[in-house]
Amino acid sequence: MKPGGDVADMLAIQDLVYNYTHAIDGRQELLFAGLWASDAVWDLGGDAGLGVFRGRDAIFDAFRRSVASGRQMHHFSSNLIVHVHGNQATGRSKSVTTGRDIPMFASYDDEYVRLDGIWQFTRRTVRAHL
């Protein structure tokens, strides 16, 4: 399937994906909180085994716990492919994350929604490749 949607939508979703990494790496709570729809799911289960968080409050609590460790991380995201279907979209991307004993490689499968003209995550599934 070819990527779909107009350039403005694709760039807005790209910013959403990249702002996720900037928020985590910079411990930017307000930025992170604004990335998620109210009923979103952040799935860190699978290989990472960190859990599945449902709803913006649970996601934000998990974010706060993860950055409370004080470990400095750097995410390098790439290979974003987006498919836009009206006010909904899906995407896939990859990242390398430093700040652990060894770099972690991960794949992201995303679902997005445009609410009041703003793209947000409705689901972000992270799969670590250790």
C-alpha atoms as a PDB file:
ATOM      1  CA  MET A   1       0.000   0.000   0.000  1.00  0.00           C
ATOM      2  CA  LYS A   2       1.337   3.436  -0.861  1.00  0.00           C
ATOM      3  CA  PRO A   3       1.436   6.179   1.770  1.00  0.00           C
ATOM      4  CA  GLY A   4      -1.679   8.321   1.563  1.00  0.00           C
ATOM      5  CA  GLY A   5      -2.813  11.717   2.745  1.00  0.00           C
ATOM      6  CA  ASP A   6      -1.749  15.206   1.960  1.00  0.00           C
ATOM      7  CA  VAL A   7       1.691  16.557   2.720  1.00  0.00           C
ATOM      8  CA  ALA A   8       0.456  18.653   5.669  1.00  0.00           C
ATOM      9  CA  ASP A   9      -1.016  15.559   7.374  1.00  0.00           C
ATOM     10  CA  MET A  10       2.112  13.528   6.760  1.00  0.00           C
ATOM     11  CA  LEU A  11       4.351  16.266   8.162  1.00  0.00           C
ATOM     12  CA  ALA A  12       2.109  16.745  11.207  1.00  0.00           C
ATOM     13  CA  ILE A  13       2.261  13.024  11.960  1.00  0.00           C
ATOM     14  CA  GLN A  14       6.020  13.042  11.446  1.00  0.00           C
ATOM     15  CA  ASP A  15       6.233  15.853  14.019  1.00  0.00           C
ATOM     16  CA  LEU A  16       4.066  13.804  16.395  1.00  0.00           C
ATOM     17  CA  VAL A  17       6.405  10.806  16.103  1.00  0.00           C
ATOM     18  CA  TYR A  18       9.537  12.911  16.529  1.00  0.00           C
ATOM     19  CA  ASN A  19       8.049  14.899  19.423  1.00  0.00           C
ATOM     20  CA  TYR A  20       7.524  11.597  21.236  1.00  0.00           C
ATOM     21  CA  THR A  21      11.270  11.005  21.231  1.00  0.00           C
ATOM     22  CA  HIS A  22      12.077  14.611  22.140  1.00  0.00           C
ATOM     23  CA  ALA A  23       9.621  14.470  25.047  1.00  0.00           C
ATOM     24  CA  ILE A  24      11.107  11.271  26.456  1.00  0.00           C
ATOM     25  CA  ASP A  25      14.735  12.252  25.895  1.00  0.00           C
ATOM     26  CA  GLY A  26      14.191  15.745  27.312  1.00  0.00           C
ATOM     27  CA  ARG A  27      11.787  14.688  30.081  1.00  0.00           C
ATOM     28  CA  GLN A  28       9.271  17.205  28.725  1.00  0.00           C
ATOM     29  CA  GLU A  29       6.047  16.364  30.529  1.00  0.00           C
ATOM     30  CA  LEU A  30       3.780  18.892  28.822  1.00  0.00           C
ATOM     31  CA  LEU A  31       4.966  17.908  25.364  1.00  0.00           C
ATOM     32  CA  PHE A  32       4.509  14.199  26.127  1.00  0.00           C
ATOM     33  CA  ALA A  33       1.031  14.649  27.641  1.00  0.00           C
ATOM     34  CA  GLY A  34      -0.200  16.470  24.533  1.00  0.00           C
ATOM     35  CA  LEU A  35       0.736  13.634  22.176  1.00  0.00           C
ATOM     36  CA  TRP A  36      -2.015  11.250  23.268  1.00  0.00           C
ATOM     37  CA  ALA A  37      -5.763  11.013  22.709  1.00  0.00           C
ATOM     38  CA  SER A  38      -7.715  10.605  25.954  1.00  0.00           C
ATOM     39  CA  ASP A  39      -8.409   6.895  25.354  1.00  0.00           C
ATOM     40  CA  ALA A  40      -5.014   6.037  23.839  1.00  0.00           C
ATOM     41  CA  VAL A  41      -3.006   2.861  24.489  1.00  0.00           C
ATOM     42  CA  TRP A  42       0.776   2.770  24.978  1.00  0.00           C
ATOM     43  CA  ASP A  43       1.807  -0.857  24.570  1.00  0.00           C
ATOM     44  CA  LEU A  44       5.287  -1.481  25.937  1.00  0.00           C
ATOM     45  CA  GLY A  45       4.613  -5.176  26.445  1.00  0.00           C
ATOM     46  CA  GLY A  46       5.994  -7.802  24.137  1.00  0.00           C
ATOM     47  CA  ASP A  47       9.760  -8.159  24.218  1.00  0.00           C
ATOM     48  CA  ALA A  48      10.284  -5.124  26.460  1.00  0.00           C
ATOM     49  CA  GLY A  49       7.830  -6.475  29.033  1.00  0.00           C
ATOM     50  CA  LEU A  50       7.100  -3.042  30.500  1.00  0.00           C
ATOM     51  CA  GLY A  51       3.312  -3.170  30.339  1.00  0.00           C
ATOM     52  CA  VAL A  52       0.302  -1.846  28.501  1.00  0.00           C
ATOM     53  CA  PHE A  53      -1.057   1.522  29.609  1.00  0.00           C
ATOM     54  CA  ARG A  54      -4.600   2.582  28.747  1.00  0.00           C
ATOM     55  CA  GLY A  55      -5.798   6.166  28.859  1.00  0.00           C
ATOM     56  CA  ARG A  56      -3.878   9.420  28.946  1.00  0.00           C
ATOM     57  CA  ASP A  57      -3.524   9.419  32.760  1.00  0.00           C
ATOM     58  CA  ALA A  58      -2.019   5.912  32.900  1.00  0.00           C
ATOM     59  CA  ILE A  59       0.279   6.729  29.983  1.00  0.00           C
ATOM     60  CA  PHE A  60       1.433   9.931  31.662  1.00  0.00           C
ATOM     61  CA  ASP A  61       2.069   8.092  34.968  1.00  0.00           C
ATOM     62  CA  ALA A  62       4.170   5.493  33.115  1.00  0.00           C
ATOM     63  CA  PHE A  63       6.122   8.293  31.429  1.00  0.00           C
ATOM     64  CA  ARG A  64       6.837   9.952  34.786  1.00  0.00           C
ATOM     65  CA  ARG A  65       8.064   6.670  36.269  1.00  0.00           C
ATOM     66  CA  SER A  66      10.300   5.990  33.277  1.00  0.00           C
ATOM     67  CA  VAL A  67      12.026   9.379  33.378  1.00  0.00           C
ATOM     68  CA  ALA A  68      12.282   9.395  37.196  1.00  0.00           C
ATOM     69  CA  SER A  69      15.187   6.963  36.950  1.00  0.00           C
ATOM     70  CA  GLY A  70      17.304   9.873  35.778  1.00  0.00           C
ATOM     71  CA  ARG A  71      18.867   7.759  33.027  1.00  0.00           C
ATOM     72  CA  GLN A  72      19.604   9.914  30.027  1.00  0.00           C
ATOM     73  CA  MET A  73      18.269   8.447  26.792  1.00  0.00           C
ATOM     74  CA  HIS A  74      18.601   9.424  23.159  1.00  0.00           C
ATOM     75  CA  HIS A  75      16.155   8.069  20.580  1.00  0.00           C
ATOM     76  CA  PHE A  76      17.084   8.153  16.903  1.00  0.00           C
ATOM     77  CA  SER A  77      13.870   7.572  14.946  1.00  0.00           C
ATOM     78  CA  SER A  78      13.713   6.761  11.258  1.00  0.00           C
ATOM     79  CA  ASN A  79      11.953   4.942   8.450  1.00  0.00           C
ATOM     80  CA  LEU A  80       8.538   6.460   9.142  1.00  0.00           C
ATOM     81  CA  ILE A  81       5.799   5.332   6.777  1.00  0.00           C
ATOM     82  CA  VAL A  82       2.334   6.862   7.187  1.00  0.00           C
ATOM     83  CA  HIS A  83      -1.041   5.944   5.701  1.00  0.00           C
ATOM     84  CA  VAL A  84      -3.722   8.609   6.169  1.00  0.00           C
ATOM     85  CA  HIS A  85      -7.425   7.799   5.846  1.00  0.00           C
ATOM     86  CA  GLY A  86      -9.398  10.958   6.604  1.00  0.00           C
ATOM     87  CA  ASN A  87      -9.087  11.752  10.299  1.00  0.00           C
ATOM     88  CA  GLN A  88      -7.370   8.471  11.095  1.00  0.00           C
ATOM     89  CA  ALA A  89      -3.967   7.161  10.113  1.00  0.00           C
ATOM     90  CA  THR A  90      -1.501   4.378  10.756  1.00  0.00           C
ATOM     91  CA  GLY A  91       2.258   4.431  10.761  1.00  0.00           C
ATOM     92  CA  ARG A  92       5.388   2.370  11.254  1.00  0.00           C
ATOM     93  CA  SER A  93       8.854   3.489  12.232  1.00  0.00           C
ATOM     94  CA  LYS A  94      12.095   2.285  13.777  1.00  0.00           C
ATOM     95  CA  SER A  95      14.442   3.652  16.390  1.00  0.00           C
ATOM     96  CA  VAL A  96      17.746   3.119  18.105  1.00  0.00           C
ATOM     97  CA  THR A  97      17.852   4.166  21.738  1.00  0.00           C
ATOM     98  CA  THR A  98      20.969   4.793  23.773  1.00  0.00           C
ATOM     99  CA  GLY A  99      21.158   5.161  27.541  1.00  0.00           C
ATOM    100  CA  ARG A 100      21.091   1.478  28.374  1.00  0.00           C
ATOM    101  CA  ASP A 101      23.916  -1.011  28.776  1.00  0.00           C
ATOM    102  CA  ILE A 102      23.651  -1.665  25.039  1.00  0.00           C
ATOM    103  CA  PRO A 103      21.729   0.282  22.391  1.00  0.00           C
ATOM    104  CA  MET A 104      18.156  -0.900  21.949  1.00  0.00           C
ATOM    105  CA  PHE A 105      16.551  -1.250  18.545  1.00  0.00           C
ATOM    106  CA  ALA A 106      12.770  -0.947  18.399  1.00  0.00           C
ATOM    107  CA  SER A 107       9.870  -1.003  15.959  1.00  0.00           C
ATOM    108  CA  TYR A 108       6.794   1.157  16.443  1.00  0.00           C
ATOM    109  CA  ASP A 109       3.336   0.389  15.090  1.00  0.00           C
ATOM    110  CA  ASP A 110       1.070   3.390  15.503  1.00  0.00           C
ATOM    111  CA  GLU A 111      -2.522   4.474  15.134  1.00  0.00           C
ATOM    112  CA  TYR A 112      -3.333   8.177  15.021  1.00  0.00           C
ATOM    113  CA  VAL A 113      -6.414  10.355  15.089  1.00  0.00           C
ATOM    114  CA  ARG A 114      -6.918  13.995  14.116  1.00  0.00           C
ATOM    115  CA  LEU A 115      -8.932  15.762  16.828  1.00  0.00           C
ATOM    116  CA  ASP A 116      -9.706  19.460  16.415  1.00  0.00           C
ATOM    117  CA  GLY A 117      -7.064  19.611  13.684  1.00  0.00           C
ATOM    118  CA  ILE A 118      -4.315  18.056  15.862  1.00  0.00           C
ATOM    119  CA  TRP A 119      -2.865  14.591  15.236  1.00  0.00           C
ATOM    120  CA  GLN A 120      -2.454  12.416  18.334  1.00  0.00           C
ATOM    121  CA  PHE A 121      -1.586   8.823  19.123  1.00  0.00           C
ATOM    122  CA  THR A 122      -4.509   6.506  19.749  1.00  0.00           C
ATOM    123  CA  ARG A 123      -2.170   3.523  20.009  1.00  0.00           C
ATOM    124  CA  ARG A 124       1.604   3.146  20.047  1.00  0.00           C
ATOM    125  CA  THR A 125       2.948  -0.400  20.160  1.00  0.00           C
ATOM    126  CA  VAL A 126       6.656  -0.661  20.869  1.00  0.00           C
ATOM    127  CA  ARG A 127       8.564  -3.858  20.141  1.00  0.00           C
ATOM    128  CA  ALA A 128      12.164  -4.050  21.309  1.00  0.00           C
ATOM    129  CA  HIS A 129      14.704  -6.026  19.325  1.00  0.00           C
ATOM    130  CA  LEU A 130      17.415  -6.913  21.801  1.00  0.00           C
END
